[in-house]
Amino acid sequence: MTNVDRVERWVRLAGAIAVLPPLVAVFWGLGKGLRRPSGRETGRARALLRGPVLTVETILFFGACATLWRPVRRQPSGPLRALALVLGTVLYFPGLALVMWGRIALGAMFNVSSGFGARLYAGHRLVSGGPFAIVRHPVYLGYLLAAVGGLLLYRTWTLVLLVAISPALVLRARREEEALAGEFGEAWEAYRRRVPAWLPRLPQLPAEASPAKR
């Protein structure tokens, strides 16, 4: 067993453990949210975001993930394998951390949505602190990072699937923003102008003092 084999084995084990807290937090929040009074809805949220429908979707999704947990045919070797290990680690673990941070920041405002519709709670509150002060969709950004990093680390068809369906998050984000814009009006617009959707803004360097002020 080479050094890369040993490191990859331990990183994969750590990755399997690290994914558990975000999963538990997401499903715990989803279970609590389904019992709360609904507020503003967009699209087909009323028909699709119901307990029985979500249960069937979850079973099918995890069933597909379990079925597809097989290594892809062409695996990298040598320096490419080491590079995939490094890049996967750099993307996967921070991605999971961002998902967890976003879930904690949302707190009781966490709810499920889809590309077909989104739902807010009665008395919903606009969350703009924590990672939401950096980007408007930190949970989805974290998912994207973790999915790509996971594909580099585990290289299974399950991760290929997760990366392939990730563009659907853009549709989900749009549905959520429609609901938030309708609910919070100018407060949402001010937040949207201030905070980018996906990529954090680079800090601006202070302008040099003019010769007259030196």
N, C-alpha and C. Protein backbone atom coordinates (compact mmCIF):
# COMPACT_ATOMS: atom_id res chain seq x y z
N MET A 1 0.85 -1.19 0.00
CA MET A 1 0.00 0.00 0.00
C MET A 1 0.89 1.25 0.00
N THR A 2 0.67 2.15 -0.95
CA THR A 2 1.47 3.36 -1.05
C THR A 2 0.99 4.41 -0.06
N ASN A 3 1.77 5.48 0.06
CA ASN A 3 1.36 6.59 0.94
C ASN A 3 0.07 7.22 0.47
N VAL A 4 -0.10 7.35 -0.85
CA VAL A 4 -1.34 7.92 -1.38
C VAL A 4 -2.53 7.04 -1.02
N ASP A 5 -2.34 5.71 -1.09
CA ASP A 5 -3.40 4.78 -0.70
C ASP A 5 -3.81 5.01 0.75
N ARG A 6 -2.83 5.14 1.63
CA ARG A 6 -3.12 5.30 3.06
C ARG A 6 -3.85 6.62 3.32
N VAL A 7 -3.33 7.68 2.74
CA VAL A 7 -3.95 9.00 2.96
C VAL A 7 -5.37 9.02 2.40
N GLU A 8 -5.54 8.49 1.21
CA GLU A 8 -6.86 8.46 0.58
C GLU A 8 -7.85 7.66 1.42
N ARG A 9 -7.39 6.57 1.97
CA ARG A 9 -8.27 5.74 2.79
C ARG A 9 -8.76 6.51 4.01
N TRP A 10 -7.85 7.22 4.68
CA TRP A 10 -8.23 7.96 5.89
C TRP A 10 -9.07 9.18 5.55
N VAL A 11 -8.76 9.83 4.45
CA VAL A 11 -9.56 11.00 4.05
C VAL A 11 -10.98 10.57 3.70
N ARG A 12 -11.11 9.46 3.01
CA ARG A 12 -12.45 8.96 2.67
C ARG A 12 -13.24 8.59 3.92
N LEU A 13 -12.57 7.98 4.89
CA LEU A 13 -13.25 7.65 6.15
C LEU A 13 -13.68 8.92 6.87
N ALA A 14 -12.80 9.90 6.93
CA ALA A 14 -13.14 11.17 7.57
C ALA A 14 -14.29 11.85 6.83
N GLY A 15 -14.29 11.75 5.50
CA GLY A 15 -15.36 12.35 4.72
C GLY A 15 -16.70 11.70 4.98
N ALA A 16 -16.71 10.38 5.14
CA ALA A 16 -17.96 9.67 5.44
C ALA A 16 -18.51 10.08 6.80
N ILE A 17 -17.63 10.34 7.75
CA ILE A 17 -18.08 10.78 9.08
C ILE A 17 -18.53 12.24 9.03
N ALA A 18 -17.80 13.07 8.28
CA ALA A 18 -18.08 14.50 8.25
C ALA A 18 -19.42 14.82 7.60
N VAL A 19 -19.91 13.96 6.71
CA VAL A 19 -21.16 14.25 6.03
C VAL A 19 -22.37 14.01 6.94
N LEU A 20 -22.19 13.29 8.03
CA LEU A 20 -23.33 12.95 8.88
C LEU A 20 -23.97 14.15 9.58
N PRO A 21 -23.19 15.03 10.24
CA PRO A 21 -23.83 16.19 10.91
C PRO A 21 -24.67 17.06 9.97
N PRO A 22 -24.18 17.44 8.78
CA PRO A 22 -25.06 18.23 7.90
C PRO A 22 -26.33 17.48 7.49
N LEU A 23 -26.21 16.17 7.21
CA LEU A 23 -27.40 15.40 6.84
C LEU A 23 -28.42 15.38 7.97
N VAL A 24 -27.95 15.12 9.18
CA VAL A 24 -28.86 15.08 10.33
C VAL A 24 -29.51 16.45 10.54
N ALA A 25 -28.71 17.52 10.44
CA ALA A 25 -29.24 18.87 10.64
C ALA A 25 -30.29 19.21 9.60
N VAL A 26 -30.05 18.84 8.35
CA VAL A 26 -30.99 19.14 7.27
C VAL A 26 -32.30 18.39 7.48
N PHE A 27 -32.24 17.10 7.75
CA PHE A 27 -33.46 16.32 7.89
C PHE A 27 -34.20 16.65 9.19
N TRP A 28 -33.46 17.01 10.22
CA TRP A 28 -34.10 17.44 11.46
C TRP A 28 -34.90 18.72 11.21
N GLY A 29 -34.28 19.67 10.51
CA GLY A 29 -34.97 20.91 10.20
C GLY A 29 -36.16 20.70 9.28
N LEU A 30 -36.00 19.78 8.33
CA LEU A 30 -37.10 19.49 7.42
C LEU A 30 -38.29 18.89 8.17
N GLY A 31 -38.01 17.96 9.08
CA GLY A 31 -39.09 17.34 9.84
C GLY A 31 -39.84 18.35 10.69
N LYS A 32 -39.12 19.27 11.31
CA LYS A 32 -39.77 20.30 12.13
C LYS A 32 -40.53 21.28 11.25
N GLY A 33 -39.96 21.60 10.08
CA GLY A 33 -40.60 22.58 9.21
C GLY A 33 -41.93 22.11 8.65
N LEU A 34 -42.06 20.82 8.41
CA LEU A 34 -43.32 20.29 7.86
C LEU A 34 -44.47 20.44 8.84
N ARG A 35 -44.17 20.64 10.11
CA ARG A 35 -45.23 20.78 11.12
C ARG A 35 -45.57 22.24 11.42
N ARG A 36 -44.93 23.17 10.72
CA ARG A 36 -45.15 24.59 10.99
C ARG A 36 -46.14 25.18 10.00
N PRO A 37 -46.86 26.24 10.40
CA PRO A 37 -47.80 26.90 9.47
C PRO A 37 -47.06 27.48 8.27
N SER A 38 -47.64 27.30 7.10
CA SER A 38 -47.03 27.78 5.87
C SER A 38 -47.34 29.25 5.64
N GLY A 39 -46.42 29.93 4.94
CA GLY A 39 -46.63 31.32 4.55
C GLY A 39 -46.69 31.44 3.04
N ARG A 40 -45.99 32.42 2.50
CA ARG A 40 -46.00 32.67 1.06
C ARG A 40 -45.42 31.48 0.30
N GLU A 41 -46.04 31.16 -0.84
CA GLU A 41 -45.59 30.06 -1.68
C GLU A 41 -45.41 30.54 -3.11
N THR A 42 -44.49 29.90 -3.83
CA THR A 42 -44.32 30.17 -5.25
C THR A 42 -44.38 28.86 -6.01
N GLY A 43 -44.77 28.95 -7.28
CA GLY A 43 -44.80 27.75 -8.12
C GLY A 43 -45.77 26.71 -7.60
N ARG A 44 -45.36 25.45 -7.64
CA ARG A 44 -46.22 24.34 -7.24
C ARG A 44 -45.85 23.81 -5.86
N ALA A 45 -45.49 24.73 -4.98
CA ALA A 45 -45.06 24.32 -3.64
C ALA A 45 -46.16 23.58 -2.89
N ARG A 46 -47.40 24.04 -3.02
CA ARG A 46 -48.49 23.42 -2.26
C ARG A 46 -48.64 21.94 -2.61
N ALA A 47 -48.45 21.59 -3.88
CA ALA A 47 -48.64 20.21 -4.30
C ALA A 47 -47.41 19.35 -4.04
N LEU A 48 -46.22 19.92 -4.19
CA LEU A 48 -45.00 19.12 -4.17
C LEU A 48 -44.30 19.10 -2.82
N LEU A 49 -44.39 20.16 -2.04
CA LEU A 49 -43.65 20.22 -0.77
C LEU A 49 -44.52 19.73 0.38
N ARG A 50 -44.98 18.51 0.25
CA ARG A 50 -45.79 17.86 1.29
C ARG A 50 -45.07 16.62 1.80
N GLY A 51 -45.37 16.23 3.02
CA GLY A 51 -44.69 15.12 3.67
C GLY A 51 -44.64 13.85 2.84
N PRO A 52 -45.78 13.33 2.36
CA PRO A 52 -45.75 12.07 1.59
C PRO A 52 -44.91 12.18 0.32
N VAL A 53 -45.03 13.29 -0.40
CA VAL A 53 -44.27 13.47 -1.64
C VAL A 53 -42.77 13.53 -1.34
N LEU A 54 -42.41 14.29 -0.31
CA LEU A 54 -41.00 14.41 0.05
C LEU A 54 -40.43 13.08 0.55
N THR A 55 -41.25 12.29 1.22
CA THR A 55 -40.79 10.99 1.70
C THR A 55 -40.47 10.07 0.52
N VAL A 56 -41.36 10.02 -0.47
CA VAL A 56 -41.12 9.19 -1.64
C VAL A 56 -39.88 9.66 -2.40
N GLU A 57 -39.75 10.99 -2.56
CA GLU A 57 -38.58 11.53 -3.26
C GLU A 57 -37.29 11.18 -2.53
N THR A 58 -37.30 11.26 -1.21
CA THR A 58 -36.11 10.95 -0.42
C THR A 58 -35.71 9.49 -0.56
N ILE A 59 -36.70 8.60 -0.50
CA ILE A 59 -36.43 7.16 -0.64
C ILE A 59 -35.84 6.87 -2.02
N LEU A 60 -36.44 7.44 -3.05
CA LEU A 60 -35.94 7.22 -4.42
C LEU A 60 -34.53 7.77 -4.58
N PHE A 61 -34.29 8.94 -4.01
CA PHE A 61 -32.98 9.58 -4.15
C PHE A 61 -31.89 8.74 -3.49
N PHE A 62 -32.12 8.36 -2.24
CA PHE A 62 -31.09 7.57 -1.55
C PHE A 62 -30.98 6.17 -2.12
N GLY A 63 -32.06 5.64 -2.65
CA GLY A 63 -31.97 4.36 -3.33
C GLY A 63 -31.09 4.44 -4.57
N ALA A 64 -31.24 5.53 -5.33
CA ALA A 64 -30.40 5.72 -6.51
C ALA A 64 -28.94 5.91 -6.11
N CYS A 65 -28.71 6.66 -5.01
CA CYS A 65 -27.33 6.88 -4.55
C CYS A 65 -26.68 5.57 -4.14
N ALA A 66 -27.44 4.72 -3.44
CA ALA A 66 -26.89 3.43 -3.01
C ALA A 66 -26.61 2.52 -4.21
N THR A 67 -27.51 2.53 -5.19
CA THR A 67 -27.34 1.68 -6.36
C THR A 67 -26.13 2.10 -7.19
N LEU A 68 -25.90 3.42 -7.26
CA LEU A 68 -24.83 3.94 -8.10
C LEU A 68 -23.49 4.04 -7.39
N TRP A 69 -23.43 3.60 -6.14
CA TRP A 69 -22.15 3.69 -5.41
C TRP A 69 -21.18 2.62 -5.92
N ARG A 70 -20.70 2.87 -7.11
CA ARG A 70 -19.72 1.99 -7.76
C ARG A 70 -18.64 2.87 -8.38
N PRO A 71 -17.40 2.43 -8.36
CA PRO A 71 -16.34 3.28 -8.92
C PRO A 71 -16.51 3.47 -10.42
N VAL A 72 -16.18 4.66 -10.88
CA VAL A 72 -16.19 4.91 -12.32
C VAL A 72 -15.08 4.08 -12.96
N ARG A 73 -15.22 3.82 -14.22
CA ARG A 73 -14.30 2.88 -14.87
C ARG A 73 -12.87 3.40 -14.92
N ARG A 74 -12.71 4.65 -15.30
CA ARG A 74 -11.36 5.19 -15.49
C ARG A 74 -10.95 5.95 -14.23
N GLN A 75 -9.99 5.42 -13.51
CA GLN A 75 -9.50 6.02 -12.28
C GLN A 75 -8.14 6.68 -12.54
N PRO A 76 -7.88 7.83 -11.93
CA PRO A 76 -6.56 8.46 -12.12
C PRO A 76 -5.48 7.67 -11.41
N SER A 77 -4.28 7.85 -11.85
CA SER A 77 -3.15 7.16 -11.23
C SER A 77 -1.97 8.12 -11.15
N GLY A 78 -1.01 7.75 -10.30
CA GLY A 78 0.20 8.55 -10.18
C GLY A 78 -0.08 9.95 -9.69
N PRO A 79 0.57 10.96 -10.29
CA PRO A 79 0.40 12.35 -9.84
C PRO A 79 -1.04 12.84 -9.95
N LEU A 80 -1.78 12.37 -10.96
CA LEU A 80 -3.17 12.80 -11.10
C LEU A 80 -4.02 12.34 -9.92
N ARG A 81 -3.75 11.17 -9.42
CA ARG A 81 -4.50 10.67 -8.26
C ARG A 81 -4.18 11.49 -7.02
N ALA A 82 -2.92 11.83 -6.83
CA ALA A 82 -2.54 12.68 -5.70
C ALA A 82 -3.16 14.05 -5.82
N LEU A 83 -3.21 14.60 -7.04
CA LEU A 83 -3.81 15.91 -7.25
C LEU A 83 -5.31 15.86 -6.96
N ALA A 84 -5.98 14.79 -7.41
CA ALA A 84 -7.41 14.64 -7.14
C ALA A 84 -7.67 14.55 -5.63
N LEU A 85 -6.78 13.90 -4.91
CA LEU A 85 -6.92 13.78 -3.46
C LEU A 85 -6.81 15.14 -2.79
N VAL A 86 -5.84 15.93 -3.22
CA VAL A 86 -5.63 17.25 -2.62
C VAL A 86 -6.80 18.18 -2.94
N LEU A 87 -7.16 18.27 -4.22
CA LEU A 87 -8.25 19.16 -4.61
C LEU A 87 -9.58 18.72 -4.01
N GLY A 88 -9.81 17.40 -3.98
CA GLY A 88 -11.04 16.90 -3.39
C GLY A 88 -11.16 17.26 -1.93
N THR A 89 -10.06 17.13 -1.19
CA THR A 89 -10.06 17.48 0.22
C THR A 89 -10.32 18.96 0.43
N VAL A 90 -9.68 19.80 -0.40
CA VAL A 90 -9.82 21.25 -0.28
C VAL A 90 -11.25 21.71 -0.58
N LEU A 91 -11.95 21.00 -1.45
CA LEU A 91 -13.32 21.38 -1.81
C LEU A 91 -14.36 20.71 -0.91
N TYR A 92 -14.17 19.43 -0.61
CA TYR A 92 -15.20 18.63 0.06
C TYR A 92 -15.44 19.09 1.50
N PHE A 93 -14.42 19.17 2.30
CA PHE A 93 -14.62 19.48 3.71
C PHE A 93 -15.07 20.92 3.94
N PRO A 94 -14.47 21.93 3.30
CA PRO A 94 -15.04 23.27 3.43
C PRO A 94 -16.47 23.37 2.90
N GLY A 95 -16.79 22.60 1.85
CA GLY A 95 -18.16 22.59 1.35
C GLY A 95 -19.15 22.10 2.39
N LEU A 96 -18.81 20.99 3.06
CA LEU A 96 -19.68 20.49 4.12
C LEU A 96 -19.78 21.48 5.27
N ALA A 97 -18.68 22.12 5.60
CA ALA A 97 -18.68 23.12 6.67
C ALA A 97 -19.59 24.29 6.31
N LEU A 98 -19.58 24.70 5.05
CA LEU A 98 -20.43 25.80 4.62
C LEU A 98 -21.90 25.41 4.67
N VAL A 99 -22.21 24.18 4.29
CA VAL A 99 -23.58 23.69 4.41
C VAL A 99 -24.04 23.74 5.86
N MET A 100 -23.20 23.27 6.76
CA MET A 100 -23.56 23.24 8.17
C MET A 100 -23.69 24.65 8.74
N TRP A 101 -22.78 25.53 8.36
CA TRP A 101 -22.83 26.92 8.83
C TRP A 101 -24.11 27.59 8.36
N GLY A 102 -24.46 27.37 7.09
CA GLY A 102 -25.68 27.96 6.57
C GLY A 102 -26.92 27.41 7.26
N ARG A 103 -26.92 26.11 7.52
CA ARG A 103 -28.07 25.49 8.21
C ARG A 103 -28.21 26.06 9.62
N ILE A 104 -27.11 26.23 10.32
CA ILE A 104 -27.17 26.80 11.67
C ILE A 104 -27.65 28.25 11.62
N ALA A 105 -27.16 29.01 10.64
CA ALA A 105 -27.56 30.42 10.52
C ALA A 105 -29.05 30.55 10.22
N LEU A 106 -29.59 29.65 9.41
CA LEU A 106 -31.01 29.70 9.10
C LEU A 106 -31.87 29.38 10.32
N GLY A 107 -31.40 28.49 11.15
CA GLY A 107 -32.14 28.15 12.36
C GLY A 107 -33.54 27.71 12.05
N ALA A 108 -34.52 28.35 12.69
CA ALA A 108 -35.92 27.98 12.51
C ALA A 108 -36.47 28.38 11.15
N MET A 109 -35.72 29.16 10.38
CA MET A 109 -36.18 29.59 9.05
C MET A 109 -35.85 28.57 7.97
N PHE A 110 -35.17 27.49 8.32
CA PHE A 110 -34.83 26.48 7.32
C PHE A 110 -36.08 25.80 6.81
N ASN A 111 -36.17 25.65 5.48
CA ASN A 111 -37.30 24.96 4.89
C ASN A 111 -36.85 24.32 3.58
N VAL A 112 -37.64 23.42 3.08
CA VAL A 112 -37.32 22.73 1.84
C VAL A 112 -37.93 23.49 0.67
N SER A 113 -37.31 23.35 -0.50
CA SER A 113 -37.85 23.94 -1.71
C SER A 113 -37.48 23.03 -2.88
N SER A 114 -37.91 23.42 -4.07
CA SER A 114 -37.53 22.68 -5.28
C SER A 114 -37.51 23.65 -6.45
N GLY A 115 -37.07 23.16 -7.59
CA GLY A 115 -37.09 24.00 -8.77
C GLY A 115 -38.49 24.33 -9.25
N PHE A 116 -39.50 23.63 -8.71
CA PHE A 116 -40.89 23.86 -9.11
C PHE A 116 -41.63 24.77 -8.15
N GLY A 117 -41.05 25.03 -6.98
CA GLY A 117 -41.74 25.89 -6.05
C GLY A 117 -41.00 26.02 -4.73
N ALA A 118 -41.33 27.09 -3.99
CA ALA A 118 -40.71 27.33 -2.69
C ALA A 118 -41.78 27.81 -1.73
N ARG A 119 -41.52 27.59 -0.46
CA ARG A 119 -42.49 27.95 0.58
C ARG A 119 -41.79 28.63 1.74
N LEU A 120 -42.36 29.70 2.22
CA LEU A 120 -41.90 30.34 3.44
C LEU A 120 -42.83 29.96 4.58
N TYR A 121 -42.42 30.30 5.79
CA TYR A 121 -43.26 30.06 6.96
C TYR A 121 -44.13 31.28 7.24
N ALA A 122 -45.20 31.07 7.97
CA ALA A 122 -45.96 32.19 8.50
C ALA A 122 -45.06 32.96 9.47
N GLY A 123 -44.97 34.26 9.32
CA GLY A 123 -44.07 35.05 10.16
C GLY A 123 -42.60 34.83 9.83
N HIS A 124 -42.32 34.55 8.57
CA HIS A 124 -40.95 34.26 8.15
C HIS A 124 -40.05 35.48 8.39
N ARG A 125 -38.78 35.20 8.68
CA ARG A 125 -37.80 36.25 8.94
C ARG A 125 -36.68 36.14 7.91
N LEU A 126 -36.24 37.28 7.38
CA LEU A 126 -35.15 37.31 6.42
C LEU A 126 -33.82 37.14 7.15
N VAL A 127 -33.08 36.11 6.78
CA VAL A 127 -31.78 35.82 7.40
C VAL A 127 -30.69 36.44 6.53
N SER A 128 -29.90 37.32 7.13
CA SER A 128 -28.84 37.99 6.37
C SER A 128 -27.51 38.00 7.10
N GLY A 129 -27.40 37.22 8.18
CA GLY A 129 -26.16 37.16 8.94
C GLY A 129 -25.38 35.88 8.66
N GLY A 130 -24.23 35.75 9.31
CA GLY A 130 -23.41 34.55 9.12
C GLY A 130 -22.96 34.44 7.67
N PRO A 131 -23.04 33.23 7.09
CA PRO A 131 -22.61 33.07 5.69
C PRO A 131 -23.52 33.79 4.70
N PHE A 132 -24.74 34.13 5.14
CA PHE A 132 -25.67 34.86 4.27
C PHE A 132 -25.27 36.32 4.11
N ALA A 133 -24.31 36.78 4.88
CA ALA A 133 -23.75 38.11 4.66
C ALA A 133 -22.65 38.08 3.60
N ILE A 134 -22.25 36.89 3.18
CA ILE A 134 -21.18 36.73 2.19
C ILE A 134 -21.76 36.39 0.82
N VAL A 135 -22.66 35.40 0.79
CA VAL A 135 -23.38 35.04 -0.43
C VAL A 135 -24.83 34.75 -0.05
N ARG A 136 -25.73 34.88 -1.02
CA ARG A 136 -27.15 34.69 -0.72
C ARG A 136 -27.53 33.21 -0.62
N HIS A 137 -26.71 32.31 -1.17
CA HIS A 137 -27.06 30.89 -1.16
C HIS A 137 -25.87 30.05 -0.67
N PRO A 138 -25.45 30.24 0.56
CA PRO A 138 -24.27 29.51 1.04
C PRO A 138 -24.49 28.00 1.15
N VAL A 139 -25.69 27.57 1.49
CA VAL A 139 -25.94 26.13 1.60
C VAL A 139 -25.78 25.46 0.24
N TYR A 140 -26.34 26.07 -0.79
CA TYR A 140 -26.21 25.50 -2.13
C TYR A 140 -24.78 25.57 -2.63
N LEU A 141 -24.10 26.66 -2.34
CA LEU A 141 -22.69 26.77 -2.72
C LEU A 141 -21.88 25.68 -2.03
N GLY A 142 -22.15 25.46 -0.75
CA GLY A 142 -21.46 24.40 -0.03
C GLY A 142 -21.72 23.03 -0.63
N TYR A 143 -22.98 22.80 -1.04
CA TYR A 143 -23.31 21.53 -1.68
C TYR A 143 -22.49 21.34 -2.96
N LEU A 144 -22.40 22.39 -3.78
CA LEU A 144 -21.65 22.30 -5.03
C LEU A 144 -20.18 21.97 -4.76
N LEU A 145 -19.59 22.66 -3.80
CA LEU A 145 -18.19 22.39 -3.47
C LEU A 145 -18.01 20.96 -2.97
N ALA A 146 -18.91 20.52 -2.10
CA ALA A 146 -18.80 19.17 -1.54
C ALA A 146 -19.03 18.11 -2.61
N ALA A 147 -19.95 18.36 -3.54
CA ALA A 147 -20.23 17.38 -4.59
C ALA A 147 -19.02 17.21 -5.51
N VAL A 148 -18.43 18.32 -5.94
CA VAL A 148 -17.26 18.23 -6.81
C VAL A 148 -16.08 17.63 -6.06
N GLY A 149 -15.87 18.07 -4.81
CA GLY A 149 -14.80 17.50 -4.01
C GLY A 149 -15.00 16.02 -3.75
N GLY A 150 -16.26 15.63 -3.47
CA GLY A 150 -16.55 14.23 -3.25
C GLY A 150 -16.29 13.38 -4.48
N LEU A 151 -16.60 13.92 -5.65
CA LEU A 151 -16.32 13.19 -6.89
C LEU A 151 -14.83 12.95 -7.05
N LEU A 152 -14.01 13.95 -6.71
CA LEU A 152 -12.57 13.78 -6.82
C LEU A 152 -12.03 12.78 -5.79
N LEU A 153 -12.67 12.73 -4.62
CA LEU A 153 -12.20 11.83 -3.56
C LEU A 153 -12.67 10.39 -3.74
N TYR A 154 -13.97 10.22 -4.01
CA TYR A 154 -14.54 8.87 -4.03
C TYR A 154 -14.65 8.29 -5.44
N ARG A 155 -14.86 9.16 -6.41
CA ARG A 155 -14.90 8.74 -7.82
C ARG A 155 -15.88 7.59 -8.06
N THR A 156 -17.11 7.81 -7.60
CA THR A 156 -18.18 6.84 -7.83
C THR A 156 -19.27 7.48 -8.69
N TRP A 157 -20.13 6.63 -9.24
CA TRP A 157 -21.22 7.13 -10.07
C TRP A 157 -22.23 7.93 -9.24
N THR A 158 -22.31 7.67 -7.95
CA THR A 158 -23.18 8.47 -7.10
C THR A 158 -22.78 9.93 -7.12
N LEU A 159 -21.47 10.18 -7.02
CA LEU A 159 -21.01 11.56 -7.03
C LEU A 159 -21.15 12.18 -8.41
N VAL A 160 -21.03 11.37 -9.46
CA VAL A 160 -21.30 11.87 -10.81
C VAL A 160 -22.74 12.37 -10.89
N LEU A 161 -23.67 11.59 -10.31
CA LEU A 161 -25.08 11.99 -10.30
C LEU A 161 -25.27 13.30 -9.53
N LEU A 162 -24.65 13.41 -8.36
CA LEU A 162 -24.82 14.61 -7.54
C LEU A 162 -24.29 15.85 -8.25
N VAL A 163 -23.17 15.71 -8.95
CA VAL A 163 -22.64 16.84 -9.71
C VAL A 163 -23.56 17.15 -10.89
N ALA A 164 -24.08 16.11 -11.54
CA ALA A 164 -24.90 16.30 -12.73
C ALA A 164 -26.20 17.04 -12.41
N ILE A 165 -26.78 16.80 -11.24
CA ILE A 165 -28.06 17.44 -10.90
C ILE A 165 -27.87 18.77 -10.19
N SER A 166 -26.63 19.16 -9.93
CA SER A 166 -26.39 20.40 -9.19
C SER A 166 -26.91 21.65 -9.88
N PRO A 167 -26.98 21.73 -11.24
CA PRO A 167 -27.57 22.93 -11.85
C PRO A 167 -29.00 23.19 -11.42
N ALA A 168 -29.71 22.15 -10.96
CA ALA A 168 -31.07 22.35 -10.49
C ALA A 168 -31.13 23.29 -9.28
N LEU A 169 -30.01 23.43 -8.57
CA LEU A 169 -29.97 24.34 -7.44
C LEU A 169 -30.18 25.79 -7.87
N VAL A 170 -29.78 26.11 -9.08
CA VAL A 170 -30.00 27.48 -9.57
C VAL A 170 -31.49 27.76 -9.69
N LEU A 171 -32.26 26.77 -10.17
CA LEU A 171 -33.71 26.93 -10.26
C LEU A 171 -34.34 27.03 -8.88
N ARG A 172 -33.86 26.23 -7.95
CA ARG A 172 -34.37 26.30 -6.58
C ARG A 172 -34.10 27.67 -5.98
N ALA A 173 -32.89 28.17 -6.21
CA ALA A 173 -32.53 29.48 -5.67
C ALA A 173 -33.44 30.57 -6.24
N ARG A 174 -33.76 30.48 -7.53
CA ARG A 174 -34.64 31.48 -8.14
C ARG A 174 -36.03 31.43 -7.53
N ARG A 175 -36.55 30.23 -7.32
CA ARG A 175 -37.88 30.10 -6.70
C ARG A 175 -37.87 30.70 -5.29
N GLU A 176 -36.84 30.43 -4.53
CA GLU A 176 -36.76 30.97 -3.19
C GLU A 176 -36.67 32.49 -3.22
N GLU A 177 -35.91 33.03 -4.16
CA GLU A 177 -35.77 34.48 -4.24
C GLU A 177 -37.09 35.13 -4.66
N GLU A 178 -37.88 34.46 -5.48
CA GLU A 178 -39.20 34.98 -5.84
C GLU A 178 -40.07 35.12 -4.58
N ALA A 179 -40.05 34.09 -3.76
CA ALA A 179 -40.86 34.13 -2.53
C ALA A 179 -40.35 35.20 -1.58
N LEU A 180 -39.04 35.30 -1.42
CA LEU A 180 -38.47 36.29 -0.51
C LEU A 180 -38.71 37.71 -1.00
N ALA A 181 -38.63 37.92 -2.31
CA ALA A 181 -38.89 39.24 -2.87
C ALA A 181 -40.34 39.65 -2.63
N GLY A 182 -41.27 38.71 -2.81
CA GLY A 182 -42.67 39.01 -2.57
C GLY A 182 -42.98 39.26 -1.11
N GLU A 183 -42.24 38.59 -0.23
CA GLU A 183 -42.52 38.70 1.20
C GLU A 183 -41.89 39.94 1.82
N PHE A 184 -40.66 40.27 1.42
CA PHE A 184 -39.90 41.31 2.13
C PHE A 184 -39.68 42.58 1.32
N GLY A 185 -40.04 42.58 0.04
CA GLY A 185 -40.03 43.80 -0.73
C GLY A 185 -38.69 44.52 -0.76
N GLU A 186 -38.69 45.77 -0.33
CA GLU A 186 -37.49 46.60 -0.40
C GLU A 186 -36.37 46.06 0.47
N ALA A 187 -36.70 45.44 1.60
CA ALA A 187 -35.66 44.86 2.46
C ALA A 187 -34.90 43.77 1.70
N TRP A 188 -35.64 42.96 0.94
CA TRP A 188 -34.97 41.93 0.14
C TRP A 188 -34.14 42.55 -0.97
N GLU A 189 -34.68 43.57 -1.64
CA GLU A 189 -33.95 44.20 -2.74
C GLU A 189 -32.65 44.83 -2.23
N ALA A 190 -32.70 45.45 -1.07
CA ALA A 190 -31.48 46.03 -0.50
C ALA A 190 -30.46 44.94 -0.18
N TYR A 191 -30.93 43.83 0.36
CA TYR A 191 -30.04 42.70 0.65
C TYR A 191 -29.47 42.12 -0.64
N ARG A 192 -30.30 41.98 -1.66
CA ARG A 192 -29.85 41.41 -2.94
C ARG A 192 -28.80 42.29 -3.59
N ARG A 193 -28.97 43.60 -3.49
CA ARG A 193 -27.98 44.51 -4.08
C ARG A 193 -26.66 44.47 -3.30
N ARG A 194 -26.75 44.20 -2.03
CA ARG A 194 -25.57 44.23 -1.17
C ARG A 194 -24.76 42.94 -1.21
N VAL A 195 -25.43 41.80 -1.37
CA VAL A 195 -24.78 40.49 -1.24
C VAL A 195 -24.91 39.72 -2.55
N PRO A 196 -23.81 39.23 -3.13
CA PRO A 196 -23.88 38.44 -4.37
C PRO A 196 -24.54 37.09 -4.14
N ALA A 197 -25.03 36.50 -5.21
CA ALA A 197 -25.77 35.24 -5.09
C ALA A 197 -24.86 34.06 -4.78
N TRP A 198 -23.74 33.93 -5.50
CA TRP A 198 -22.96 32.69 -5.43
C TRP A 198 -21.49 32.91 -5.08
N LEU A 199 -20.85 33.89 -5.67
CA LEU A 199 -19.42 34.08 -5.46
C LEU A 199 -19.17 35.31 -4.60
N PRO A 200 -18.44 35.16 -3.49
CA PRO A 200 -18.16 36.31 -2.63
C PRO A 200 -17.41 37.40 -3.39
N ARG A 201 -17.69 38.62 -3.04
CA ARG A 201 -16.95 39.73 -3.64
C ARG A 201 -15.56 39.81 -3.01
N LEU A 202 -14.59 40.09 -3.84
CA LEU A 202 -13.24 40.28 -3.33
C LEU A 202 -13.18 41.59 -2.55
N PRO A 203 -12.44 41.60 -1.44
CA PRO A 203 -12.32 42.86 -0.69
C PRO A 203 -11.63 43.92 -1.52
N GLN A 204 -12.15 45.13 -1.45
CA GLN A 204 -11.57 46.22 -2.21
C GLN A 204 -10.40 46.83 -1.45
N LEU A 205 -9.33 47.04 -2.19
CA LEU A 205 -8.18 47.68 -1.58
C LEU A 205 -8.47 49.16 -1.37
N PRO A 206 -8.02 49.73 -0.25
CA PRO A 206 -8.26 51.16 -0.03
C PRO A 206 -7.56 51.99 -1.08
N ALA A 207 -8.26 52.99 -1.59
CA ALA A 207 -7.68 53.86 -2.59
C ALA A 207 -6.54 54.67 -1.99
N GLU A 208 -5.50 54.91 -2.80
CA GLU A 208 -4.37 55.70 -2.31
C GLU A 208 -4.80 57.14 -2.06
N ALA A 209 -4.23 57.67 -1.03
CA ALA A 209 -4.55 59.06 -0.72
C ALA A 209 -4.02 59.95 -1.83
N SER A 210 -4.79 60.96 -2.19
CA SER A 210 -4.36 61.89 -3.25
C SER A 210 -3.17 62.71 -2.76
N PRO A 211 -2.34 63.24 -3.69
CA PRO A 211 -1.16 64.01 -3.29
C PRO A 211 -1.50 65.18 -2.39
N ALA A 212 -2.69 65.76 -2.61
CA ALA A 212 -3.05 66.92 -1.80
C ALA A 212 -3.29 66.56 -0.34
N LYS A 213 -3.62 65.25 -0.08
CA LYS A 213 -3.95 64.85 1.30
C LYS A 213 -2.77 64.20 1.98
N ARG A 214 -1.64 64.05 1.30
CA ARG A 214 -0.50 63.40 1.93
C ARG A 214 0.26 64.37 2.83
